[in-house]
Amino acid sequence: MENLSPLQKACWLLLLLFPILAQAHASPPGPVMADAAKQEFARRLALFSINVYGKLAALKPGENLVFSPFSIQTCAAMARLGADGETAAQLDQGLGLASANVDQIAKSFNQVLATYQDSQILRIANKIFVMDGYSLAPQFDQLLSKEFLSAAQKVNFASSSQAAATINGWVEERTNHLIKDLIPASALNADSRLVLVNAIHFKGNWVHQFPKYATRPDTFHLDNERSIQVPMMSVKERFRYADLPSLNAAALELPYKDSDLSMLIILPNSKTGLPALEEKLRSTPLSVITQALQKTQVQVKLPKFKAEFQIELSEVFRKLGMTRLFTNDAEFDKMLETPEPLQVSAIIHKAFIDVNEEGTEAAAATGIVVRKKRCVISLDEPTEFLADHPFTYVLVHQEEIPMFWGSVVRLEETASDISEHEEL
């Protein structure tokens, strides 16, 4: 194992920036949730995930997606604790929160955050940066530190370059130096009051690694007419697999070592079937797919891929009905000890993923096609899962909590990778 190349690093980060309105001036784990509460939290997060996924796919057609619905929801939920009135109601509805009670909201997120507090595989970090001279409201501060495990740090946003460097340095450190220069200095000024940040970094090895000698150049179909040659990984093992006729797709679960996380790949049967699959997933709970999985001998072919994704999420939030937080009517009266009119100015998201023979970090997948056998499964003739056309995937917690979600719709031919494997 010592001579293996370093594992890919995939990271996710969400930023919420709360400046003052324009007219003013240019710990220990919580109690264990009941099973029903856990299931409801997971169900609502999965629904929020597919809603965000749909909006991102519409905004960025033809691009590979990778984002962390859990990170988005976590950071926005931190903002929700300081909201009131219609702003709070819109966030409850748009984020799919199970309760309007701030204590219950905070406790529900603590269950997941506390689980990974000491994890070496999945690291989650929250932080709030506060303008010098301002203090957080005591209840808001207590909920963030106790339940969201979030520390507060004073910065001078008027010195925008220095403030951006401070925030970006924290982000870079928490994401293993993969997310750099997240916040431009131009996003900060003397009117800025708070910046809430969530960072996630995942690094995992497959339980069943893909042998490097088996990686070979193979065809990836971009659509019915266009295809390219890409390095295609291959392994034959017993995996949890399901044929999903109602989705016109197949699903495969690739577990990670020493972890309760796995990558769930959902592959449409058709080379151009991803849009139809995405639409059907809007009304199909993840649990329906995971409960259909059965241990089966599978010949898996999956392309190596890397993806980087960056987007400002304000438009996505607006499309999900969360509009008031961006306006002069926003109600964030519970954030500061001395309340001021506050509003959200930006929600910035940036992600990176690298999937190779040894493992993955975060969630992203390259466009892949599945060609599977329709016959009765036998040990002599394994089912084939050929990801050689666009597909979607979820990095999912064992209780169906989607930590990352992504899709692969295109790949770029990598001549150096192909020639390297041809020499093996």
Protein backbone atom coordinates (compact mmCIF):
# COMPACT_ATOMS: atom_id res chain seq x y z
CA MET A 1 0.00 0.00 0.00
CA GLU A 2 2.92 2.33 0.66
CA ASN A 3 3.78 2.62 -3.02
CA LEU A 4 0.28 3.61 -4.12
CA SER A 5 -0.09 7.07 -5.58
CA PRO A 6 -1.74 9.62 -3.28
CA LEU A 7 -5.50 9.36 -3.12
CA GLN A 8 -7.56 11.91 -4.86
CA LYS A 9 -8.86 14.68 -2.73
CA ALA A 10 -12.37 15.99 -3.19
CA CYS A 11 -13.75 18.89 -1.30
CA TRP A 12 -16.82 20.97 -0.98
CA LEU A 13 -17.36 24.39 0.43
CA LEU A 14 -20.34 26.68 0.89
CA LEU A 15 -20.18 30.32 1.91
CA LEU A 16 -23.00 32.56 3.04
CA LEU A 17 -22.16 36.26 3.30
CA PHE A 18 -24.36 38.59 5.30
CA PRO A 19 -23.61 42.30 4.85
CA ILE A 20 -25.60 45.17 6.33
CA LEU A 21 -28.39 46.55 4.15
CA ALA A 22 -27.34 49.02 1.48
CA GLN A 23 -29.31 51.89 2.98
CA ALA A 24 -27.23 51.82 6.14
CA HIS A 25 -23.70 52.53 4.92
CA ALA A 26 -21.77 52.19 1.64
CA SER A 27 -18.51 19.80 21.85
CA PRO A 28 -19.89 16.71 23.01
CA PRO A 29 -22.31 14.81 20.74
CA GLY A 30 -26.00 15.52 21.29
CA PRO A 31 -28.61 12.94 22.20
CA VAL A 32 -29.16 10.15 19.71
CA MET A 33 -32.08 10.80 17.40
CA ALA A 34 -34.88 8.27 17.25
CA ASP A 35 -34.84 6.10 14.14
CA ALA A 36 -37.95 7.83 12.82
CA ALA A 37 -36.32 11.24 13.20
CA LYS A 38 -33.16 10.04 11.43
CA GLN A 39 -35.20 8.64 8.56
CA GLU A 40 -37.18 11.87 8.23
CA PHE A 41 -33.97 13.95 8.28
CA ALA A 42 -32.48 11.73 5.54
CA ARG A 43 -35.69 11.78 3.48
CA ARG A 44 -35.91 15.57 3.57
CA LEU A 45 -32.22 16.04 2.78
CA ALA A 46 -32.54 13.66 -0.20
CA LEU A 47 -35.49 15.66 -1.52
CA PHE A 48 -33.58 18.93 -1.06
CA SER A 49 -30.62 17.30 -2.83
CA ILE A 50 -32.53 16.37 -5.96
CA ASN A 51 -34.21 19.80 -6.02
CA VAL A 52 -30.81 21.53 -5.95
CA TYR A 53 -29.43 19.02 -8.47
CA GLY A 54 -32.25 19.82 -10.89
CA LYS A 55 -31.69 23.57 -10.63
CA LEU A 56 -27.91 23.20 -11.08
CA ALA A 57 -28.38 20.93 -14.12
CA ALA A 58 -30.67 23.55 -15.68
CA LEU A 59 -28.24 26.40 -14.93
CA LYS A 60 -25.17 24.48 -16.10
CA PRO A 61 -26.32 22.20 -18.95
CA GLY A 62 -23.67 19.90 -20.36
CA GLU A 63 -21.38 20.25 -17.33
CA ASN A 64 -20.31 17.64 -14.83
CA LEU A 65 -21.85 18.48 -11.46
CA VAL A 66 -20.51 17.87 -7.98
CA PHE A 67 -21.90 19.47 -4.83
CA SER A 68 -22.65 18.64 -1.22
CA PRO A 69 -26.33 18.95 -0.36
CA PHE A 70 -25.48 18.31 3.28
CA SER A 71 -23.01 21.20 3.29
CA ILE A 72 -25.44 23.59 1.62
CA GLN A 73 -28.20 22.63 4.01
CA THR A 74 -25.88 22.82 7.05
CA CYS A 75 -24.56 26.28 6.28
CA ALA A 76 -27.98 27.64 5.38
CA ALA A 77 -29.41 26.07 8.55
CA MET A 78 -26.84 28.00 10.57
CA ALA A 79 -28.21 31.17 8.97
CA ARG A 80 -31.75 29.99 9.69
CA LEU A 81 -31.00 30.00 13.44
CA GLY A 82 -30.60 33.77 13.24
CA ALA A 83 -33.68 34.36 11.09
CA ASP A 84 -37.23 35.31 11.97
CA GLY A 85 -40.62 35.86 10.35
CA GLU A 86 -41.12 35.19 6.64
CA THR A 87 -37.36 34.80 6.08
CA ALA A 88 -37.29 31.91 8.54
CA ALA A 89 -40.46 30.38 7.06
CA GLN A 90 -39.01 30.44 3.53
CA LEU A 91 -35.78 28.81 4.72
CA ASP A 92 -37.71 26.10 6.59
CA GLN A 93 -39.71 25.33 3.46
CA GLY A 94 -36.90 25.69 0.89
CA LEU A 95 -34.33 23.69 2.88
CA GLY A 96 -36.89 21.03 3.77
CA LEU A 97 -36.31 21.33 7.52
CA ALA A 98 -38.41 19.01 9.68
CA SER A 99 -39.04 21.60 12.40
CA ALA A 100 -39.41 25.36 12.77
CA ASN A 101 -37.93 25.20 16.29
CA VAL A 102 -34.32 26.42 16.29
CA ASP A 103 -33.28 24.00 19.05
CA GLN A 104 -34.70 21.04 17.13
CA ILE A 105 -33.11 22.22 13.88
CA ALA A 106 -29.71 22.52 15.56
CA LYS A 107 -29.96 19.11 17.26
CA SER A 108 -30.88 17.34 14.03
CA PHE A 109 -27.69 18.57 12.33
CA ASN A 110 -25.59 17.81 15.39
CA GLN A 111 -26.32 14.09 14.99
CA VAL A 112 -24.34 13.98 11.74
CA LEU A 113 -21.70 16.59 12.63
CA ALA A 114 -20.88 14.86 15.93
CA THR A 115 -20.62 11.47 14.20
CA TYR A 116 -17.75 12.73 12.05
CA GLN A 117 -16.13 15.00 14.63
CA ASP A 118 -13.09 12.71 14.97
CA SER A 119 -13.30 11.03 11.55
CA GLN A 120 -10.11 10.67 9.52
CA ILE A 121 -12.12 10.01 6.35
CA LEU A 122 -14.81 12.69 6.24
CA ARG A 123 -13.98 16.04 7.83
CA ILE A 124 -16.70 18.65 8.29
CA ALA A 125 -15.93 22.12 9.64
CA ASN A 126 -18.13 25.16 10.27
CA LYS A 127 -17.03 28.68 11.11
CA ILE A 128 -18.53 32.15 11.38
CA PHE A 129 -16.48 35.29 10.78
CA VAL A 130 -17.81 38.41 12.52
CA MET A 131 -16.99 42.07 11.89
CA ASP A 132 -14.72 43.65 14.50
CA GLY A 133 -16.76 45.55 17.05
CA TYR A 134 -19.82 43.31 16.74
CA SER A 135 -20.88 40.36 18.88
CA LEU A 136 -23.19 37.45 18.15
CA ALA A 137 -26.51 37.23 19.99
CA PRO A 138 -25.98 34.83 22.94
CA GLN A 139 -28.55 32.20 21.87
CA PHE A 140 -27.31 32.24 18.26
CA ASP A 141 -23.70 31.93 19.44
CA GLN A 142 -24.53 29.08 21.83
CA LEU A 143 -26.45 27.05 19.23
CA LEU A 144 -23.68 27.45 16.65
CA SER A 145 -20.88 26.45 19.03
CA LYS A 146 -22.70 23.60 20.82
CA GLU A 147 -24.72 21.98 18.02
CA PHE A 148 -22.92 23.07 14.83
CA LEU A 149 -19.45 22.83 16.44
CA SER A 150 -18.73 26.25 14.95
CA ALA A 151 -16.23 28.72 16.34
CA ALA A 152 -16.48 32.48 15.78
CA GLN A 153 -13.58 34.69 14.68
CA LYS A 154 -13.43 38.49 14.52
CA VAL A 155 -12.17 40.06 11.29
CA ASN A 156 -12.15 43.58 9.84
CA PHE A 157 -14.13 43.34 6.60
CA ALA A 158 -13.22 46.96 5.81
CA SER A 159 -9.70 45.63 5.08
CA SER A 160 -11.22 43.41 2.41
CA SER A 161 -8.01 41.87 1.05
CA GLN A 162 -6.78 40.87 4.49
CA ALA A 163 -10.23 39.59 5.54
CA ALA A 164 -10.55 37.52 2.35
CA ALA A 165 -7.06 36.09 2.92
CA THR A 166 -8.02 35.09 6.49
CA ILE A 167 -11.21 33.33 5.39
CA ASN A 168 -9.61 31.71 2.34
CA GLY A 169 -6.70 30.48 4.46
CA TRP A 170 -9.12 28.75 6.83
CA VAL A 171 -10.98 27.18 3.89
CA GLU A 172 -7.77 25.99 2.24
CA GLU A 173 -6.53 24.41 5.46
CA ARG A 174 -9.83 22.57 6.06
CA THR A 175 -10.00 21.24 2.47
CA ASN A 176 -6.47 19.87 2.28
CA HIS A 177 -5.40 22.84 0.10
CA LEU A 178 -7.83 21.90 -2.68
CA ILE A 179 -10.16 24.90 -2.44
CA LYS A 180 -8.18 28.10 -2.90
CA ASP A 181 -9.23 31.75 -3.21
CA LEU A 182 -12.88 30.99 -2.59
CA ILE A 183 -13.88 34.54 -1.65
CA PRO A 184 -12.73 37.48 -3.73
CA ALA A 185 -11.84 40.59 -1.77
CA SER A 186 -14.45 42.43 -3.85
CA ALA A 187 -17.21 40.44 -2.06
CA LEU A 188 -16.29 42.11 1.26
CA ASN A 189 -16.45 45.70 2.43
CA ALA A 190 -17.06 47.87 5.49
CA ASP A 191 -20.79 47.01 5.38
CA SER A 192 -20.15 43.27 5.74
CA ARG A 193 -21.08 41.90 9.15
CA LEU A 194 -20.96 38.09 9.07
CA VAL A 195 -19.62 35.32 6.83
CA LEU A 196 -20.75 31.76 7.54
CA VAL A 197 -18.62 28.99 6.07
CA ASN A 198 -18.94 25.21 5.86
CA ALA A 199 -16.13 23.05 4.48
CA ILE A 200 -16.10 19.31 3.76
CA HIS A 201 -13.18 17.10 2.80
CA PHE A 202 -13.60 13.38 2.07
CA LYS A 203 -10.82 10.88 1.38
CA GLY A 204 -11.63 7.20 1.07
CA ASN A 205 -10.29 3.93 -0.33
CA TRP A 206 -12.57 1.47 -2.08
CA VAL A 207 -13.21 -1.80 -0.25
CA HIS A 208 -12.60 -3.45 -3.64
CA GLN A 209 -9.96 -1.43 -5.43
CA PHE A 210 -9.66 -1.41 -9.21
CA PRO A 211 -6.38 -3.11 -10.25
CA LYS A 212 -4.24 -0.64 -12.13
CA TYR A 213 -3.15 -3.23 -14.69
CA ALA A 214 -6.82 -3.65 -15.72
CA THR A 215 -7.30 0.01 -16.67
CA ARG A 216 -7.43 0.27 -20.45
CA PRO A 217 -8.51 2.79 -23.10
CA ASP A 218 -12.20 2.32 -23.87
CA THR A 219 -15.11 4.17 -25.42
CA PHE A 220 -17.24 6.67 -23.53
CA HIS A 221 -20.40 7.74 -25.37
CA LEU A 222 -21.21 11.43 -24.97
CA ASP A 223 -24.52 10.80 -26.79
CA ASN A 224 -25.79 8.60 -29.62
CA GLU A 225 -23.41 10.14 -32.17
CA ARG A 226 -20.29 11.31 -30.32
CA SER A 227 -17.80 9.21 -28.35
CA ILE A 228 -14.23 9.50 -27.07
CA GLN A 229 -11.52 7.21 -25.72
CA VAL A 230 -10.92 7.39 -21.95
CA PRO A 231 -9.03 5.34 -19.33
CA MET A 232 -11.62 2.80 -18.16
CA MET A 233 -11.10 1.02 -14.82
CA SER A 234 -12.31 -2.55 -14.36
CA VAL A 235 -12.97 -4.91 -11.45
CA LYS A 236 -15.06 -8.05 -10.87
CA GLU A 237 -16.37 -8.53 -7.33
CA ARG A 238 -19.55 -9.07 -5.35
CA PHE A 239 -21.29 -5.69 -5.04
CA ARG A 240 -24.75 -4.57 -4.06
CA TYR A 241 -26.55 -4.08 -7.39
CA ALA A 242 -30.10 -3.51 -8.63
CA ASP A 243 -31.88 -3.43 -11.96
CA LEU A 244 -34.44 -0.59 -11.73
CA PRO A 245 -37.07 -0.99 -14.49
CA SER A 246 -39.20 1.87 -13.12
CA LEU A 247 -36.24 4.23 -13.62
CA ASN A 248 -35.02 2.52 -16.82
CA ALA A 249 -31.66 2.33 -15.07
CA ALA A 250 -29.36 0.18 -12.95
CA ALA A 251 -27.71 1.00 -9.62
CA LEU A 252 -24.40 -0.10 -8.12
CA GLU A 253 -22.99 0.56 -4.65
CA LEU A 254 -19.20 0.90 -4.28
CA PRO A 255 -18.35 0.89 -0.54
CA TYR A 256 -15.37 2.60 1.10
CA LYS A 257 -13.04 0.93 3.61
CA ASP A 258 -13.42 1.70 7.32
CA SER A 259 -16.40 3.93 6.62
CA ASP A 260 -20.20 4.03 6.68
CA LEU A 261 -20.10 5.85 3.34
CA SER A 262 -20.42 4.43 -0.16
CA MET A 263 -20.77 5.70 -3.72
CA LEU A 264 -24.12 4.88 -5.28
CA ILE A 265 -23.95 5.07 -9.08
CA ILE A 266 -27.25 5.25 -10.96
CA LEU A 267 -26.76 4.50 -14.65
CA PRO A 268 -29.52 4.98 -17.23
CA ASN A 269 -29.97 2.09 -19.66
CA SER A 270 -29.88 4.50 -22.59
CA LYS A 271 -26.88 6.57 -23.69
CA THR A 272 -29.11 9.66 -23.66
CA GLY A 273 -31.29 8.64 -20.72
CA LEU A 274 -29.82 10.87 -17.98
CA PRO A 275 -32.36 13.76 -18.27
CA ALA A 276 -35.30 11.33 -18.00
CA LEU A 277 -33.62 9.58 -15.06
CA GLU A 278 -33.03 12.91 -13.30
CA GLU A 279 -36.73 13.75 -13.64
CA LYS A 280 -37.81 10.38 -12.23
CA LEU A 281 -35.42 10.72 -9.29
CA ARG A 282 -37.38 13.78 -8.17
CA SER A 283 -40.19 11.46 -7.05
CA THR A 284 -38.08 8.42 -6.10
CA PRO A 285 -36.69 8.35 -2.53
CA LEU A 286 -33.09 7.17 -2.26
CA SER A 287 -34.30 4.48 0.13
CA VAL A 288 -36.30 2.88 -2.70
CA ILE A 289 -33.06 2.41 -4.63
CA THR A 290 -30.84 1.32 -1.73
CA GLN A 291 -33.42 -1.19 -0.48
CA ALA A 292 -33.51 -2.82 -3.92
CA LEU A 293 -29.75 -3.50 -3.91
CA GLN A 294 -28.70 -7.15 -3.65
CA LYS A 295 -25.22 -8.71 -3.38
CA THR A 296 -24.32 -9.91 -6.87
CA GLN A 297 -21.19 -10.84 -8.81
CA VAL A 298 -20.65 -7.79 -11.03
CA GLN A 299 -18.12 -6.92 -13.72
CA VAL A 300 -17.72 -3.17 -13.25
CA LYS A 301 -16.22 -0.77 -15.77
CA LEU A 302 -15.94 2.82 -14.60
CA PRO A 303 -13.94 5.68 -16.13
CA LYS A 304 -11.30 7.50 -14.14
CA PHE A 305 -12.37 11.11 -13.84
CA LYS A 306 -11.75 14.44 -12.21
CA ALA A 307 -14.29 17.23 -11.90
CA GLU A 308 -14.20 20.78 -10.60
CA PHE A 309 -17.34 22.83 -10.11
CA GLN A 310 -17.98 26.38 -8.92
CA ILE A 311 -21.19 28.37 -8.78
CA GLU A 312 -22.85 31.25 -6.96
CA LEU A 313 -26.00 29.69 -5.50
CA SER A 314 -28.26 32.71 -4.95
CA GLU A 315 -30.29 31.95 -8.09
CA VAL A 316 -30.76 28.33 -6.98
CA PHE A 317 -32.07 29.48 -3.60
CA ARG A 318 -34.45 31.92 -5.26
CA LYS A 319 -35.79 29.18 -7.56
CA LEU A 320 -36.44 27.05 -4.46
CA GLY A 321 -38.57 29.82 -2.95
CA MET A 322 -35.96 31.34 -0.63
CA THR A 323 -36.09 34.93 -1.88
CA ARG A 324 -36.57 37.19 1.11
CA LEU A 325 -33.07 36.62 2.57
CA PHE A 326 -31.57 38.51 -0.42
CA THR A 327 -33.77 41.60 -0.02
CA ASN A 328 -34.01 44.67 2.21
CA ASP A 329 -36.94 42.93 3.94
CA ALA A 330 -34.75 40.08 5.20
CA GLU A 331 -35.24 39.32 8.91
CA PHE A 332 -31.98 38.22 10.56
CA ASP A 333 -32.67 39.92 13.87
CA LYS A 334 -31.38 37.02 15.98
CA MET A 335 -27.79 37.03 14.73
CA LEU A 336 -26.15 40.02 16.37
CA GLU A 337 -26.27 41.10 20.00
CA THR A 338 -27.26 44.58 18.83
CA PRO A 339 -29.61 43.80 15.93
CA GLU A 340 -29.10 45.50 12.58
CA PRO A 341 -30.91 45.02 9.26
CA LEU A 342 -28.99 42.28 7.47
CA GLN A 343 -29.36 40.48 4.16
CA VAL A 344 -27.51 37.78 2.20
CA SER A 345 -25.29 39.06 -0.60
CA ALA A 346 -23.72 35.84 -1.90
CA ILE A 347 -23.72 32.06 -1.56
CA ILE A 348 -20.54 30.65 -3.09
CA HIS A 349 -19.90 26.98 -3.76
CA LYS A 350 -16.79 25.27 -5.08
CA ALA A 351 -16.03 21.56 -5.33
CA PHE A 352 -13.38 19.19 -6.62
CA ILE A 353 -13.38 15.41 -7.05
CA ASP A 354 -10.92 12.84 -8.29
CA VAL A 355 -11.96 9.20 -8.80
CA ASN A 356 -9.27 6.61 -9.52
CA GLU A 357 -8.33 2.99 -8.90
CA GLU A 358 -7.68 3.38 -5.16
CA GLY A 359 -10.68 5.44 -4.14
CA THR A 360 -12.57 8.72 -4.17
CA GLU A 361 -12.97 11.95 -2.31
CA ALA A 362 -16.35 13.63 -2.17
CA ALA A 363 -18.93 12.89 -4.81
CA ALA A 364 -18.64 13.26 -8.53
CA ALA A 365 -18.83 10.92 -11.43
CA THR A 366 -17.91 10.88 -15.09
CA GLY A 367 -20.50 10.31 -17.80
CA ILE A 368 -20.84 6.58 -17.95
CA VAL A 369 -23.04 4.01 -19.68
CA VAL A 370 -24.27 0.79 -18.16
CA ARG A 371 -24.65 -2.23 -20.27
CA LYS A 372 -26.08 -4.97 -18.15
CA LYS A 373 -27.27 -8.48 -18.83
CA ARG A 374 -30.98 -9.19 -18.64
CA CYS A 375 -30.56 -12.87 -17.92
CA VAL A 376 -30.80 -14.67 -14.59
CA ILE A 377 -27.78 -13.82 -12.45
CA SER A 378 -25.31 -16.67 -11.95
CA LEU A 379 -21.89 -16.96 -10.35
CA ASP A 380 -20.43 -18.15 -13.67
CA GLU A 381 -21.67 -15.22 -15.71
CA PRO A 382 -21.54 -11.96 -13.73
CA THR A 383 -23.81 -9.03 -14.35
CA GLU A 384 -22.03 -6.29 -16.30
CA PHE A 385 -22.15 -2.65 -15.19
CA LEU A 386 -20.54 -0.63 -17.95
CA ALA A 387 -20.43 3.08 -17.18
CA ASP A 388 -19.64 4.27 -20.68
CA HIS A 389 -22.23 7.06 -20.94
CA PRO A 390 -23.62 9.89 -18.73
CA PHE A 391 -24.73 8.89 -15.21
CA THR A 392 -25.45 10.32 -11.78
CA TYR A 393 -24.04 9.32 -8.41
CA VAL A 394 -24.45 9.97 -4.69
CA LEU A 395 -21.89 9.69 -1.89
CA VAL A 396 -24.29 8.40 0.70
CA HIS A 397 -24.24 7.69 4.44
CA GLN A 398 -25.54 4.25 5.43
CA GLU A 399 -28.78 5.85 6.62
CA GLU A 400 -29.43 7.31 3.15
CA ILE A 401 -28.05 10.75 4.04
CA PRO A 402 -26.60 12.18 0.78
CA MET A 403 -23.30 13.87 1.65
CA PHE A 404 -22.39 14.60 -1.99
CA TRP A 405 -24.29 14.39 -5.27
CA GLY A 406 -23.00 14.66 -8.80
CA SER A 407 -23.25 13.65 -12.43
CA VAL A 408 -20.89 12.85 -15.25
CA VAL A 409 -22.08 13.99 -18.65
CA ARG A 410 -18.79 14.49 -20.44
CA LEU A 411 -15.19 13.37 -20.25
CA GLU A 412 -12.07 14.64 -21.93
CA GLU A 413 -9.77 12.28 -23.69
CA THR A 414 -6.48 12.07 -21.79
CA ALA A 415 -3.81 10.89 -24.19
CA SER A 416 -1.10 10.65 -21.52
CA ASP A 417 -3.28 8.45 -19.32
CA ILE A 418 -4.22 6.21 -22.25
CA SER A 419 -0.65 5.77 -23.50
CA GLU A 420 0.51 5.05 -19.95
CA HIS A 421 -1.98 2.21 -19.59
CA GLU A 422 -1.23 0.88 -23.07
CA GLU A 423 2.38 0.40 -21.96
CA LEU A 424 1.39 -1.70 -18.92
